[in-house]
Amino acid sequence: MKTQKMNRKQFVGSTLLAGGALALVGCKEEKTAETQADQGAYCGLYCGACPKFTNGECTGCKGPEETLAAHCKECEIRSCAAMKGVKSCAECAGFPCPKTEAFHNSGNPKGEKALANSKTIQVVGYEKWLAAQAVK
């Protein structure tokens, strides 16, 4: 039997198609912590690209309260977005606000990346942005 090599994007696409086919025939897909975790941070960062997140050293800002890092527990962006029930600050009617602007314009490369991601989220939506991050 001849096998064909797939790149990551093709693999993810075929996996998503297979998952959809399973749903159509009534099979239940096992949900793991990794598939359930929302890897996008409220501020616009993608946690799935961070070694601490992928190694299980960090749960991201959307993890259970008891597992949050100290800086996440103190983050005004996280507490505000969680209170408002948005997946990303970019979805908030008040975006940009002083909290997000302070981080996005801080000169920190992470803030600059979060701002760029937030702008993309406003254009394509959170779910499409998140799916695109997963295939990078």
N, C-alpha and C. Protein backbone atom coordinates (compact mmCIF):
# COMPACT_ATOMS: atom_id res chain seq x y z
N MET A 1 0.85 -1.19 0.00
CA MET A 1 0.00 0.00 0.00
C MET A 1 0.88 1.23 0.00
N LYS A 2 0.53 2.17 -0.83
CA LYS A 2 1.28 3.42 -0.95
C LYS A 2 0.73 4.44 0.03
N THR A 3 1.60 5.09 0.79
CA THR A 3 1.15 6.13 1.71
C THR A 3 1.60 7.48 1.20
N GLN A 4 0.81 8.48 1.51
CA GLN A 4 1.10 9.84 1.10
C GLN A 4 1.41 10.68 2.32
N LYS A 5 2.48 11.45 2.26
CA LYS A 5 2.82 12.33 3.37
C LYS A 5 1.89 13.53 3.35
N MET A 6 1.48 13.95 4.56
CA MET A 6 0.62 15.12 4.70
C MET A 6 1.34 16.18 5.50
N ASN A 7 1.09 17.42 5.14
CA ASN A 7 1.59 18.49 6.00
C ASN A 7 0.60 18.67 7.13
N ARG A 8 0.94 19.51 8.09
CA ARG A 8 0.11 19.70 9.28
C ARG A 8 -1.29 20.19 8.92
N LYS A 9 -1.39 21.13 8.00
CA LYS A 9 -2.68 21.68 7.61
C LYS A 9 -3.57 20.59 7.00
N GLN A 10 -3.01 19.74 6.15
CA GLN A 10 -3.78 18.66 5.56
C GLN A 10 -4.23 17.66 6.63
N PHE A 11 -3.32 17.36 7.55
CA PHE A 11 -3.66 16.42 8.63
C PHE A 11 -4.80 16.95 9.49
N VAL A 12 -4.70 18.22 9.89
CA VAL A 12 -5.75 18.81 10.72
C VAL A 12 -7.07 18.82 9.96
N GLY A 13 -7.02 19.19 8.68
CA GLY A 13 -8.23 19.21 7.87
C GLY A 13 -8.87 17.84 7.77
N SER A 14 -8.07 16.80 7.53
CA SER A 14 -8.61 15.45 7.42
C SER A 14 -9.13 14.96 8.76
N THR A 15 -8.46 15.36 9.83
CA THR A 15 -8.90 14.99 11.18
C THR A 15 -10.24 15.64 11.48
N LEU A 16 -10.38 16.92 11.11
CA LEU A 16 -11.65 17.61 11.33
C LEU A 16 -12.76 16.96 10.52
N LEU A 17 -12.46 16.56 9.29
CA LEU A 17 -13.45 15.88 8.46
C LEU A 17 -13.84 14.55 9.08
N ALA A 18 -12.87 13.81 9.57
CA ALA A 18 -13.15 12.53 10.20
C ALA A 18 -14.01 12.72 11.45
N GLY A 19 -13.71 13.74 12.23
CA GLY A 19 -14.51 14.03 13.42
C GLY A 19 -15.94 14.36 13.05
N GLY A 20 -16.13 15.10 11.96
CA GLY A 20 -17.47 15.42 11.50
C GLY A 20 -18.21 14.18 11.04
N ALA A 21 -17.49 13.27 10.37
CA ALA A 21 -18.10 12.03 9.93
C ALA A 21 -18.53 11.19 11.13
N LEU A 22 -17.71 11.16 12.16
CA LEU A 22 -18.08 10.42 13.37
C LEU A 22 -19.35 10.97 13.98
N ALA A 23 -19.47 12.28 14.00
CA ALA A 23 -20.66 12.90 14.56
C ALA A 23 -21.90 12.54 13.74
N LEU A 24 -21.74 12.44 12.42
CA LEU A 24 -22.86 12.12 11.56
C LEU A 24 -23.38 10.70 11.78
N VAL A 25 -22.48 9.76 12.10
CA VAL A 25 -22.92 8.38 12.31
C VAL A 25 -23.24 8.09 13.76
N GLY A 26 -23.18 9.09 14.61
CA GLY A 26 -23.59 8.94 15.99
C GLY A 26 -22.51 8.48 16.94
N CYS A 27 -21.28 8.42 16.52
CA CYS A 27 -20.18 8.05 17.41
C CYS A 27 -19.82 9.26 18.26
N LYS A 28 -19.47 9.00 19.48
CA LYS A 28 -19.07 10.09 20.35
C LYS A 28 -17.56 10.22 20.32
N GLU A 29 -17.09 11.42 20.09
CA GLU A 29 -15.67 11.70 20.11
C GLU A 29 -15.26 11.92 21.56
N GLU A 30 -14.20 11.26 21.98
CA GLU A 30 -13.74 11.44 23.35
C GLU A 30 -13.16 12.83 23.50
N LYS A 31 -13.59 13.54 24.51
CA LYS A 31 -13.09 14.89 24.77
C LYS A 31 -11.98 14.81 25.79
N THR A 32 -10.85 15.37 25.44
CA THR A 32 -9.73 15.42 26.37
C THR A 32 -9.59 16.84 26.86
N ALA A 33 -8.76 17.03 27.87
CA ALA A 33 -8.52 18.39 28.38
C ALA A 33 -7.98 19.26 27.28
N GLU A 34 -7.15 18.69 26.39
CA GLU A 34 -6.55 19.48 25.32
C GLU A 34 -7.60 19.95 24.32
N THR A 35 -8.56 19.07 23.95
CA THR A 35 -9.56 19.48 22.97
C THR A 35 -10.58 20.41 23.58
N GLN A 36 -10.77 20.35 24.89
CA GLN A 36 -11.74 21.22 25.55
C GLN A 36 -11.16 22.59 25.88
N ALA A 37 -9.86 22.66 26.04
CA ALA A 37 -9.23 23.91 26.46
C ALA A 37 -9.33 24.95 25.35
N ASP A 38 -9.72 26.15 25.73
CA ASP A 38 -9.74 27.27 24.81
C ASP A 38 -8.35 27.88 24.86
N GLN A 39 -7.62 27.77 23.79
CA GLN A 39 -6.23 28.19 23.79
C GLN A 39 -6.02 29.66 23.44
N GLY A 40 -7.09 30.41 23.31
CA GLY A 40 -6.98 31.83 23.06
C GLY A 40 -7.14 32.61 24.35
N ALA A 41 -6.25 33.55 24.58
CA ALA A 41 -6.36 34.40 25.78
C ALA A 41 -7.31 35.56 25.48
N TYR A 42 -7.89 36.11 26.51
CA TYR A 42 -8.82 37.24 26.34
C TYR A 42 -8.17 38.42 25.63
N CYS A 43 -6.90 38.67 25.90
CA CYS A 43 -6.20 39.84 25.38
C CYS A 43 -5.86 39.73 23.90
N GLY A 44 -5.93 38.51 23.34
CA GLY A 44 -5.61 38.32 21.94
C GLY A 44 -4.41 37.43 21.71
N LEU A 45 -3.74 37.00 22.76
CA LEU A 45 -2.62 36.07 22.60
C LEU A 45 -3.15 34.67 22.34
N TYR A 46 -2.34 33.84 21.67
CA TYR A 46 -2.68 32.44 21.42
C TYR A 46 -1.81 31.58 22.33
N CYS A 47 -2.42 31.04 23.37
CA CYS A 47 -1.68 30.25 24.36
C CYS A 47 -1.10 28.97 23.77
N GLY A 48 -1.73 28.44 22.74
CA GLY A 48 -1.27 27.20 22.12
C GLY A 48 0.13 27.31 21.53
N ALA A 49 0.64 28.52 21.35
CA ALA A 49 1.99 28.72 20.82
C ALA A 49 3.03 28.84 21.93
N CYS A 50 2.58 28.83 23.18
CA CYS A 50 3.48 29.03 24.31
C CYS A 50 3.96 27.69 24.86
N PRO A 51 5.27 27.51 24.99
CA PRO A 51 5.79 26.25 25.53
C PRO A 51 5.27 25.93 26.93
N LYS A 52 5.07 26.92 27.77
CA LYS A 52 4.55 26.66 29.12
C LYS A 52 3.14 26.08 29.06
N PHE A 53 2.34 26.55 28.12
CA PHE A 53 0.98 26.04 27.97
C PHE A 53 1.01 24.62 27.41
N THR A 54 1.79 24.42 26.35
CA THR A 54 1.82 23.10 25.71
C THR A 54 2.48 22.04 26.59
N ASN A 55 3.37 22.45 27.49
CA ASN A 55 4.01 21.50 28.41
C ASN A 55 3.19 21.26 29.66
N GLY A 56 2.06 21.92 29.77
CA GLY A 56 1.19 21.73 30.93
C GLY A 56 1.62 22.52 32.16
N GLU A 57 2.56 23.46 32.00
CA GLU A 57 3.00 24.28 33.12
C GLU A 57 2.06 25.45 33.38
N CYS A 58 1.20 25.74 32.42
CA CYS A 58 0.27 26.87 32.53
C CYS A 58 -1.05 26.46 31.89
N THR A 59 -2.15 26.88 32.48
CA THR A 59 -3.47 26.56 31.92
C THR A 59 -4.04 27.70 31.09
N GLY A 60 -3.28 28.79 30.98
CA GLY A 60 -3.79 29.96 30.27
C GLY A 60 -4.76 30.71 31.17
N CYS A 61 -5.22 31.85 30.71
CA CYS A 61 -6.07 32.69 31.56
C CYS A 61 -7.50 32.18 31.64
N LYS A 62 -7.85 31.19 30.82
CA LYS A 62 -9.21 30.65 30.85
C LYS A 62 -9.29 29.32 31.58
N GLY A 63 -8.20 28.94 32.22
CA GLY A 63 -8.18 27.70 32.98
C GLY A 63 -8.94 27.85 34.28
N PRO A 64 -9.09 26.74 35.00
CA PRO A 64 -9.77 26.80 36.30
C PRO A 64 -9.07 27.76 37.25
N GLU A 65 -9.85 28.48 38.03
CA GLU A 65 -9.33 29.52 38.93
C GLU A 65 -8.17 29.01 39.79
N GLU A 66 -8.29 27.79 40.31
CA GLU A 66 -7.25 27.27 41.20
C GLU A 66 -5.94 26.95 40.48
N THR A 67 -5.97 26.89 39.14
CA THR A 67 -4.75 26.57 38.40
C THR A 67 -4.11 27.80 37.76
N LEU A 68 -4.74 28.95 37.89
CA LEU A 68 -4.22 30.16 37.24
C LEU A 68 -2.91 30.61 37.88
N ALA A 69 -2.02 31.09 37.03
CA ALA A 69 -0.78 31.69 37.52
C ALA A 69 -1.13 32.99 38.23
N ALA A 70 -0.25 33.43 39.11
CA ALA A 70 -0.50 34.65 39.90
C ALA A 70 -0.78 35.85 38.99
N HIS A 71 0.00 35.99 37.91
CA HIS A 71 -0.21 37.15 37.04
C HIS A 71 -1.57 37.09 36.34
N CYS A 72 -2.08 35.89 36.10
CA CYS A 72 -3.41 35.76 35.49
C CYS A 72 -4.50 36.14 36.50
N LYS A 73 -4.32 35.72 37.75
CA LYS A 73 -5.31 36.04 38.77
C LYS A 73 -5.41 37.55 38.98
N GLU A 74 -4.31 38.26 38.79
CA GLU A 74 -4.27 39.71 39.01
C GLU A 74 -4.60 40.51 37.75
N CYS A 75 -4.73 39.84 36.61
CA CYS A 75 -4.91 40.53 35.34
C CYS A 75 -6.30 41.16 35.22
N GLU A 76 -6.32 42.48 35.05
CA GLU A 76 -7.58 43.21 34.91
C GLU A 76 -8.30 42.86 33.61
N ILE A 77 -7.52 42.57 32.57
CA ILE A 77 -8.12 42.19 31.28
C ILE A 77 -8.89 40.88 31.45
N ARG A 78 -8.26 39.89 32.10
CA ARG A 78 -8.90 38.59 32.31
C ARG A 78 -10.18 38.73 33.12
N SER A 79 -10.10 39.43 34.24
CA SER A 79 -11.28 39.52 35.11
C SER A 79 -12.42 40.27 34.42
N CYS A 80 -12.11 41.30 33.67
CA CYS A 80 -13.14 42.08 32.97
C CYS A 80 -13.81 41.24 31.88
N ALA A 81 -13.00 40.58 31.05
CA ALA A 81 -13.55 39.78 29.95
C ALA A 81 -14.35 38.59 30.48
N ALA A 82 -13.85 37.95 31.53
CA ALA A 82 -14.58 36.82 32.11
C ALA A 82 -15.93 37.29 32.67
N MET A 83 -15.93 38.44 33.32
CA MET A 83 -17.16 38.99 33.88
C MET A 83 -18.17 39.30 32.76
N LYS A 84 -17.67 39.81 31.63
CA LYS A 84 -18.56 40.17 30.52
C LYS A 84 -18.96 38.96 29.69
N GLY A 85 -18.28 37.84 29.88
CA GLY A 85 -18.64 36.61 29.17
C GLY A 85 -18.23 36.58 27.71
N VAL A 86 -17.20 37.34 27.35
CA VAL A 86 -16.70 37.32 25.98
C VAL A 86 -15.54 36.33 25.87
N LYS A 87 -15.33 35.79 24.69
CA LYS A 87 -14.20 34.88 24.46
C LYS A 87 -12.92 35.66 24.24
N SER A 88 -13.07 36.88 23.77
CA SER A 88 -11.94 37.75 23.48
C SER A 88 -12.37 39.19 23.69
N CYS A 89 -11.46 40.01 24.15
CA CYS A 89 -11.76 41.43 24.31
C CYS A 89 -12.19 42.05 22.99
N ALA A 90 -11.71 41.51 21.89
CA ALA A 90 -12.04 42.03 20.57
C ALA A 90 -13.54 41.93 20.29
N GLU A 91 -14.26 41.07 21.02
CA GLU A 91 -15.70 40.93 20.85
C GLU A 91 -16.49 41.93 21.69
N CYS A 92 -15.82 42.60 22.59
CA CYS A 92 -16.49 43.53 23.51
C CYS A 92 -16.82 44.84 22.80
N ALA A 93 -17.99 45.37 23.07
CA ALA A 93 -18.42 46.64 22.48
C ALA A 93 -17.51 47.79 22.90
N GLY A 94 -16.87 47.67 24.05
CA GLY A 94 -16.00 48.73 24.55
C GLY A 94 -14.55 48.60 24.11
N PHE A 95 -14.26 47.67 23.20
CA PHE A 95 -12.88 47.47 22.74
C PHE A 95 -12.53 48.49 21.69
N PRO A 96 -11.36 49.07 21.73
CA PRO A 96 -10.32 48.97 22.75
C PRO A 96 -10.68 49.83 23.96
N CYS A 97 -10.22 49.39 25.09
CA CYS A 97 -10.45 50.13 26.34
C CYS A 97 -9.10 50.46 26.97
N PRO A 98 -9.06 51.26 28.01
CA PRO A 98 -7.77 51.59 28.63
C PRO A 98 -6.97 50.37 29.09
N LYS A 99 -7.66 49.31 29.54
CA LYS A 99 -6.96 48.11 29.99
C LYS A 99 -6.23 47.43 28.83
N THR A 100 -6.95 47.23 27.72
CA THR A 100 -6.32 46.55 26.58
C THR A 100 -5.28 47.45 25.91
N GLU A 101 -5.57 48.72 25.81
CA GLU A 101 -4.62 49.64 25.19
C GLU A 101 -3.30 49.70 25.95
N ALA A 102 -3.37 49.65 27.28
CA ALA A 102 -2.15 49.69 28.09
C ALA A 102 -1.26 48.49 27.77
N PHE A 103 -1.86 47.30 27.61
CA PHE A 103 -1.07 46.11 27.28
C PHE A 103 -0.65 46.11 25.82
N HIS A 104 -1.58 46.37 24.93
CA HIS A 104 -1.29 46.30 23.50
C HIS A 104 -0.25 47.33 23.06
N ASN A 105 -0.22 48.47 23.71
CA ASN A 105 0.70 49.54 23.33
C ASN A 105 1.86 49.71 24.30
N SER A 106 2.15 48.68 25.07
CA SER A 106 3.19 48.76 26.11
C SER A 106 4.61 48.66 25.56
N GLY A 107 4.75 48.31 24.30
CA GLY A 107 6.09 48.10 23.75
C GLY A 107 6.54 46.66 23.91
N ASN A 108 5.79 45.87 24.66
CA ASN A 108 6.06 44.45 24.84
C ASN A 108 5.67 43.72 23.54
N PRO A 109 6.56 42.90 22.98
CA PRO A 109 6.21 42.17 21.75
C PRO A 109 4.93 41.34 21.89
N LYS A 110 4.68 40.81 23.08
CA LYS A 110 3.45 40.04 23.28
C LYS A 110 2.23 40.94 23.15
N GLY A 111 2.33 42.16 23.64
CA GLY A 111 1.23 43.12 23.52
C GLY A 111 0.97 43.48 22.07
N GLU A 112 2.04 43.65 21.31
CA GLU A 112 1.90 43.97 19.89
C GLU A 112 1.24 42.81 19.14
N LYS A 113 1.63 41.58 19.46
CA LYS A 113 1.04 40.39 18.82
C LYS A 113 -0.43 40.27 19.21
N ALA A 114 -0.73 40.52 20.48
CA ALA A 114 -2.11 40.45 20.96
C ALA A 114 -2.99 41.48 20.24
N LEU A 115 -2.45 42.67 20.00
CA LEU A 115 -3.19 43.71 19.28
C LEU A 115 -3.47 43.27 17.85
N ALA A 116 -2.44 42.75 17.17
CA ALA A 116 -2.63 42.27 15.79
C ALA A 116 -3.67 41.16 15.74
N ASN A 117 -3.60 40.23 16.69
CA ASN A 117 -4.58 39.15 16.75
C ASN A 117 -5.97 39.69 17.01
N SER A 118 -6.10 40.65 17.90
CA SER A 118 -7.41 41.24 18.23
C SER A 118 -8.04 41.89 17.01
N LYS A 119 -7.22 42.56 16.22
CA LYS A 119 -7.73 43.18 14.99
C LYS A 119 -8.23 42.11 14.02
N THR A 120 -7.50 41.00 13.93
CA THR A 120 -7.92 39.88 13.07
C THR A 120 -9.22 39.29 13.58
N ILE A 121 -9.33 39.11 14.90
CA ILE A 121 -10.54 38.56 15.50
C ILE A 121 -11.75 39.42 15.17
N GLN A 122 -11.58 40.74 15.17
CA GLN A 122 -12.68 41.64 14.84
C GLN A 122 -13.14 41.44 13.40
N VAL A 123 -12.22 41.08 12.52
CA VAL A 123 -12.57 40.91 11.10
C VAL A 123 -13.15 39.52 10.83
N VAL A 124 -12.49 38.46 11.29
CA VAL A 124 -12.91 37.11 10.93
C VAL A 124 -13.73 36.40 12.00
N GLY A 125 -13.72 36.92 13.22
CA GLY A 125 -14.42 36.27 14.32
C GLY A 125 -13.47 35.39 15.12
N TYR A 126 -13.82 35.19 16.38
CA TYR A 126 -12.95 34.47 17.30
C TYR A 126 -12.73 33.02 16.89
N GLU A 127 -13.81 32.32 16.55
CA GLU A 127 -13.70 30.89 16.24
C GLU A 127 -12.81 30.65 15.01
N LYS A 128 -12.97 31.45 13.97
CA LYS A 128 -12.14 31.28 12.77
C LYS A 128 -10.68 31.63 13.08
N TRP A 129 -10.46 32.67 13.85
CA TRP A 129 -9.09 33.03 14.23
C TRP A 129 -8.46 31.89 15.02
N LEU A 130 -9.18 31.36 15.99
CA LEU A 130 -8.66 30.29 16.83
C LEU A 130 -8.34 29.05 16.00
N ALA A 131 -9.23 28.70 15.08
CA ALA A 131 -8.98 27.54 14.21
C ALA A 131 -7.74 27.76 13.36
N ALA A 132 -7.55 28.97 12.86
CA ALA A 132 -6.37 29.27 12.05
C ALA A 132 -5.09 29.18 12.86
N GLN A 133 -5.14 29.54 14.14
CA GLN A 133 -3.96 29.46 14.98
C GLN A 133 -3.55 28.01 15.19
N ALA A 134 -4.51 27.14 15.31
CA ALA A 134 -4.24 25.73 15.59
C ALA A 134 -3.52 25.04 14.44
N VAL A 135 -3.65 25.54 13.21
CA VAL A 135 -3.01 24.89 12.08
C VAL A 135 -1.66 25.50 11.70
N LYS A 136 -1.25 26.53 12.42
CA LYS A 136 0.05 27.17 12.13
C LYS A 136 1.18 26.32 12.62
